[in-house]
Amino acid sequence: MVWHPSGDSIFACYSADGGDNQVAVVDTVGKMKVKFLEDKPHTKGIINSLMFLPWGNDNFVTGGSDHSVCFWEEKETHEGLKWKAKALHRSQHSSAVMGVAGLRFKELVLSAGTDKRVVAHDTRYNRSYVCYTLESKAMGVLPNPVDFHLFMVQTGTPGQQLHLYDIRVQRTELHAFGWKQESSDTQSALINQTWSPDGYQIASGSADPKIHIFDIRYNSKEPSQSLRAHQKRVFKAAWHHSLPLLISISSDLNIGLFRYTS
C-alpha cells in the first residue's frame, strides 16, 4: 500500500489470479470509500509493488509475479476520468518483479526482480534495458530522496543485503551494506528500508528484532547503529519528515517510536 501524493487516498495492489481487481483506492477523506480500478494489465500471480512516479504527475507503476512492469495513468474518457494501464515491458525479467520505483534522472522506471536483474525503462523514449546484474535475487529498489542519481537495491545476500548504485555508473555498484542475521539465513521481501529525509542514512528492518541504520557517507559495510526495538521481526522503520523520529512496525503487533539523532 502507498499513499497518493496528495495525501487523501491510499492505493493497494492485490493479485492477478482469478480475474480479480488488481488495484484498489481507499478514500481517506470522508466515508473511507473503496474503489477498484477496472484495468487488469497483469496476467497472473501477486502484484508485488506499487509506487507513484516522482516527476510532477500522479501516475504510478506496478510490478508483478508475471515478470511485467505496468504503467498506470489517469485519462479523460466519455465516462469521466479513468485509470488506464499499459505494460512497459513483459520480457526484460525472467522471473517475478519484486520492486519498482521512479528515478527523476531522465524519468526512468527501475524494476528489481528475483532473476537478479535491475531493469531501467526510459519513459521518454519507451526503451527498456538491463542496467545491473546482481549476484543474488533482488527484493526491492529505493531511490535516494535528494540525489536523483542514487538508489539502493535490497538483495538476498547475507551480510550484504543493501547495494548502493549511481545510475550514471553502469554495471558497477558504489557500495554494499549489510548485517549479520542471527535468527535465520533466509532474507524476506517483507523487510523494507527507508531513506532519511536528507538522503544520507537508510534504516532497515530485519528478521532479528532490530532496526539497522546505515550512513552512506562512511566507507563501512556494517550498520552505524543497531537498535533493539521489538520482540519479533521488524518489517520497516520509517523516518518522520520533520521530527527526529523513527517509526517502526513489527510482527510483535507493536508500533515503535524512537527519538533519533545522528
Protein backbone atom coordinates (compact mmCIF):
# COMPACT_ATOMS: atom_id res chain seq x y z
CA MET A 1 0.00 0.00 0.00
CA VAL A 2 1.14 3.55 -0.73
CA TRP A 3 -0.27 7.00 -0.16
CA HIS A 4 -1.35 9.06 -3.14
CA PRO A 5 0.97 12.12 -3.44
CA SER A 6 -1.93 14.39 -2.46
CA GLY A 7 -2.32 12.51 0.83
CA ASP A 8 -6.07 11.98 0.52
CA SER A 9 -6.17 8.32 -0.56
CA ILE A 10 -4.32 5.01 -0.29
CA PHE A 11 -3.59 2.74 -3.27
CA ALA A 12 -3.32 -1.00 -2.63
CA CYS A 13 -2.33 -3.79 -5.03
CA TYR A 14 -3.61 -7.36 -4.98
CA SER A 15 -3.31 -10.48 -7.14
CA ALA A 16 -3.88 -11.02 -10.85
CA ASP A 17 -5.20 -14.57 -10.37
CA GLY A 18 -8.85 -15.40 -10.97
CA GLY A 19 -9.63 -12.23 -12.90
CA ASP A 20 -9.98 -10.21 -9.70
CA ASN A 21 -9.39 -6.48 -9.41
CA GLN A 22 -5.70 -5.66 -9.22
CA VAL A 23 -5.60 -2.18 -7.64
CA ALA A 24 -7.91 -0.56 -5.09
CA VAL A 25 -8.17 3.08 -3.98
CA VAL A 26 -9.21 3.87 -0.40
CA ASP A 27 -10.58 7.40 0.01
CA THR A 28 -9.37 8.54 3.44
CA VAL A 29 -11.36 11.78 3.32
CA GLY A 30 -14.98 11.40 4.32
CA LYS A 31 -16.55 7.93 4.41
CA MET A 32 -13.46 5.78 3.65
CA LYS A 33 -14.95 4.50 0.40
CA VAL A 34 -13.06 1.82 -1.56
CA LYS A 35 -12.94 1.92 -5.35
CA PHE A 36 -11.42 -0.78 -7.55
CA LEU A 37 -9.68 0.19 -10.79
CA GLU A 38 -11.12 -1.50 -13.87
CA ASP A 39 -7.95 -2.26 -15.84
CA LYS A 40 -6.21 -5.59 -15.21
CA PRO A 41 -2.84 -5.45 -17.01
CA HIS A 42 -1.08 -8.18 -15.04
CA THR A 43 -1.74 -11.73 -16.23
CA LYS A 44 -1.09 -13.90 -13.16
CA GLY A 45 0.29 -14.06 -9.65
CA ILE A 46 0.77 -11.50 -6.92
CA ILE A 47 1.38 -7.83 -7.69
CA ASN A 48 4.41 -7.23 -5.51
CA SER A 49 4.99 -3.49 -5.72
CA LEU A 50 3.18 -0.22 -6.44
CA MET A 51 4.92 3.16 -6.49
CA PHE A 52 3.94 6.64 -7.67
CA LEU A 53 6.32 8.33 -10.08
CA PRO A 54 8.12 11.44 -8.81
CA TRP A 55 8.15 13.71 -11.85
CA GLY A 56 5.21 16.03 -11.37
CA ASN A 57 2.15 13.90 -12.09
CA ASP A 58 0.09 11.28 -10.29
CA ASN A 59 0.95 8.29 -12.48
CA PHE A 60 2.17 5.08 -10.86
CA VAL A 61 3.78 1.77 -11.79
CA THR A 62 3.25 -1.80 -10.61
CA GLY A 63 5.49 -4.86 -10.77
CA GLY A 64 4.23 -8.41 -10.53
CA SER A 65 4.95 -12.11 -10.42
CA ASP A 66 4.08 -12.29 -14.14
CA HIS A 67 7.51 -10.67 -14.85
CA SER A 68 5.90 -7.44 -16.08
CA VAL A 69 6.05 -3.77 -15.14
CA CYS A 70 2.89 -1.77 -15.86
CA PHE A 71 2.27 1.97 -16.08
CA TRP A 72 -1.00 3.49 -14.82
CA GLU A 73 -2.26 6.88 -15.98
CA GLU A 74 -5.48 8.76 -15.26
CA LYS A 75 -7.13 9.70 -18.57
CA GLU A 76 -10.24 11.58 -19.65
CA THR A 77 -12.89 9.29 -21.19
CA HIS A 78 -16.54 9.71 -22.17
CA GLU A 79 -17.35 8.36 -18.69
CA GLY A 80 -15.06 10.84 -16.95
CA LEU A 81 -11.58 10.30 -15.52
CA LYS A 82 -10.46 6.67 -15.61
CA TRP A 83 -7.22 4.95 -14.65
CA LYS A 84 -5.75 3.23 -17.72
CA ALA A 85 -2.84 0.79 -17.63
CA LYS A 86 -0.29 -0.42 -20.16
CA ALA A 87 2.72 -2.71 -19.91
CA LEU A 88 6.12 -1.02 -20.06
CA HIS A 89 7.79 -4.39 -20.54
CA ARG A 90 6.94 -8.08 -20.04
CA SER A 91 10.11 -9.88 -21.12
CA GLN A 92 13.02 -7.93 -19.59
CA HIS A 93 12.69 -10.01 -16.41
CA SER A 94 12.67 -13.81 -16.44
CA SER A 95 11.03 -14.14 -13.01
CA ALA A 96 8.98 -12.13 -10.52
CA VAL A 97 9.40 -8.36 -10.30
CA MET A 98 9.67 -7.56 -6.58
CA GLY A 99 10.25 -3.80 -6.59
CA VAL A 100 9.53 -0.81 -8.83
CA ALA A 101 10.36 2.88 -8.48
CA GLY A 102 10.71 6.07 -10.48
CA LEU A 103 14.07 7.82 -10.84
CA ARG A 104 13.78 11.53 -11.62
CA PHE A 105 17.04 11.44 -13.54
CA LYS A 106 15.93 11.05 -17.19
CA GLU A 107 12.47 9.92 -15.92
CA LEU A 108 13.47 6.27 -15.59
CA VAL A 109 11.32 3.49 -14.15
CA LEU A 110 13.50 0.99 -12.28
CA SER A 111 12.47 -2.59 -11.56
CA ALA A 112 14.23 -5.24 -9.50
CA GLY A 113 13.49 -8.95 -9.78
CA THR A 114 14.28 -12.36 -8.41
CA ASP A 115 16.12 -13.03 -11.69
CA LYS A 116 18.97 -10.90 -10.21
CA ARG A 117 18.37 -8.07 -12.68
CA VAL A 118 17.75 -4.36 -12.30
CA VAL A 119 15.99 -3.03 -15.40
CA ALA A 120 15.60 0.62 -16.40
CA HIS A 121 12.78 1.83 -18.65
CA ASP A 122 13.19 5.25 -20.25
CA THR A 123 9.65 6.68 -20.34
CA ARG A 124 10.65 9.43 -22.76
CA TYR A 125 11.81 7.05 -25.49
CA ASN A 126 9.87 3.90 -24.47
CA ARG A 127 13.06 1.87 -24.21
CA SER A 128 13.99 -0.80 -21.63
CA TYR A 129 17.40 -2.25 -20.83
CA VAL A 130 19.15 -4.27 -18.12
CA CYS A 131 21.40 -1.83 -16.25
CA TYR A 132 22.71 -4.08 -13.45
CA THR A 133 23.09 -7.83 -12.90
CA LEU A 134 23.31 -8.90 -9.26
CA GLU A 135 24.77 -11.92 -7.50
CA SER A 136 21.51 -12.81 -5.75
CA LYS A 137 17.81 -12.13 -6.13
CA ALA A 138 16.60 -8.57 -5.71
CA MET A 139 13.67 -7.84 -3.42
CA GLY A 140 13.27 -4.08 -3.66
CA VAL A 141 14.57 -0.81 -5.07
CA LEU A 142 14.57 2.58 -3.32
CA PRO A 143 15.67 5.89 -4.92
CA ASN A 144 17.51 8.47 -2.82
CA PRO A 145 15.19 11.41 -1.98
CA VAL A 146 17.88 14.09 -2.51
CA ASP A 147 20.42 12.83 -5.07
CA PHE A 148 18.34 11.72 -8.04
CA HIS A 149 21.16 9.57 -9.44
CA LEU A 150 21.42 7.26 -6.41
CA PHE A 151 19.29 4.27 -5.45
CA MET A 152 19.51 1.31 -3.11
CA VAL A 153 18.66 -2.29 -4.01
CA GLN A 154 17.73 -4.89 -1.39
CA THR A 155 19.07 -8.39 -2.15
CA GLY A 156 19.15 -11.82 -0.58
CA THR A 157 22.91 -11.83 0.08
CA PRO A 158 23.60 -12.46 3.80
CA GLY A 159 25.81 -9.72 5.22
CA GLN A 160 25.39 -7.62 2.06
CA GLN A 161 21.66 -7.08 1.92
CA LEU A 162 21.80 -3.50 0.61
CA HIS A 163 23.61 -2.28 -2.52
CA LEU A 164 24.08 1.37 -3.48
CA TYR A 165 24.14 2.37 -7.16
CA ASP A 166 24.59 5.51 -9.24
CA ILE A 167 22.58 5.24 -12.45
CA ARG A 168 25.33 7.17 -14.28
CA VAL A 169 27.83 4.37 -13.50
CA GLN A 170 26.56 1.35 -15.40
CA ARG A 171 27.28 -2.25 -14.34
CA THR A 172 29.07 -1.19 -11.13
CA GLU A 173 27.87 -0.79 -7.55
CA LEU A 174 29.17 2.02 -5.35
CA HIS A 175 29.00 0.19 -2.05
CA ALA A 176 27.37 -2.75 -0.25
CA PHE A 177 25.95 -2.70 3.27
CA GLY A 178 24.59 -5.43 5.48
CA TRP A 179 24.20 -7.09 8.83
CA LYS A 180 24.75 -10.49 10.34
CA GLN A 181 21.35 -12.08 10.74
CA GLU A 182 21.04 -14.14 13.90
CA SER A 183 17.60 -15.75 13.67
CA SER A 184 17.59 -17.03 10.07
CA ASP A 185 19.81 -17.29 6.99
CA THR A 186 16.94 -16.50 4.61
CA GLN A 187 16.09 -12.96 3.55
CA SER A 188 12.45 -11.85 3.45
CA ALA A 189 10.85 -9.50 0.94
CA LEU A 190 8.60 -8.35 3.80
CA ILE A 191 11.58 -6.49 5.26
CA ASN A 192 11.76 -2.92 3.91
CA GLN A 193 14.05 0.10 4.00
CA THR A 194 13.54 3.87 4.07
CA TRP A 195 15.84 6.82 3.40
CA SER A 196 16.24 9.66 5.88
CA PRO A 197 14.86 12.98 4.55
CA ASP A 198 18.41 14.31 4.00
CA GLY A 199 19.36 11.25 1.89
CA TYR A 200 22.41 10.37 3.99
CA GLN A 201 21.07 7.45 6.03
CA ILE A 202 18.95 4.42 5.41
CA ALA A 203 17.02 2.43 8.01
CA SER A 204 16.18 -1.23 7.56
CA GLY A 205 14.06 -3.69 9.43
CA SER A 206 15.37 -7.22 9.98
CA ALA A 207 14.30 -10.73 10.91
CA ASP A 208 16.03 -10.10 14.22
CA PRO A 209 14.19 -7.65 16.47
CA LYS A 210 16.48 -4.81 15.38
CA ILE A 211 16.47 -1.65 13.30
CA HIS A 212 19.73 -1.26 11.38
CA ILE A 213 20.86 2.23 10.35
CA PHE A 214 23.49 2.82 7.65
CA ASP A 215 25.23 6.08 6.72
CA ILE A 216 26.30 6.25 3.07
CA ARG A 217 28.90 8.94 3.87
CA TYR A 218 31.13 6.36 5.54
CA ASN A 219 33.04 3.51 3.92
CA SER A 220 31.73 0.82 6.23
CA LYS A 221 29.74 -2.27 5.38
CA GLU A 222 28.22 -2.61 8.86
CA PRO A 223 25.41 -0.58 10.43
CA SER A 224 26.40 2.69 12.07
CA GLN A 225 23.76 1.88 14.69
CA SER A 226 21.52 -1.08 15.50
CA LEU A 227 18.50 -0.51 17.72
CA ARG A 228 16.92 -3.44 19.57
CA ALA A 229 13.42 -2.25 19.03
CA HIS A 230 10.91 -5.09 19.20
CA GLN A 231 10.33 -8.65 20.39
CA LYS A 232 9.86 -10.09 16.89
CA ARG A 233 10.72 -9.35 13.26
CA VAL A 234 10.84 -5.66 12.31
CA PHE A 235 9.20 -5.11 8.94
CA LYS A 236 10.02 -1.44 8.44
CA ALA A 237 11.34 1.67 10.17
CA ALA A 238 10.33 4.97 8.57
CA TRP A 239 11.78 8.43 9.20
CA HIS A 240 9.48 11.27 10.22
CA HIS A 241 9.87 14.10 7.70
CA SER A 242 10.12 16.98 10.18
CA LEU A 243 10.90 15.45 13.59
CA PRO A 244 13.94 13.36 14.69
CA LEU A 245 11.81 10.20 14.94
CA LEU A 246 11.91 6.66 13.59
CA ILE A 247 8.55 4.88 13.39
CA SER A 248 8.66 1.08 13.17
CA ILE A 249 6.22 -1.79 12.69
CA SER A 250 6.79 -5.38 13.74
CA SER A 251 5.20 -8.82 13.85
CA ASP A 252 5.01 -8.37 17.64
CA LEU A 253 1.96 -6.15 16.83
CA ASN A 254 3.57 -3.04 18.30
CA ILE A 255 4.38 0.31 16.70
CA GLY A 256 7.69 1.78 17.82
CA LEU A 257 8.57 5.48 18.19
CA PHE A 258 12.26 6.23 18.60
CA ARG A 259 13.82 9.64 19.01
CA TYR A 260 16.90 9.59 16.81
CA THR A 261 19.83 11.96 16.32
CA SER A 262 22.74 11.20 14.01
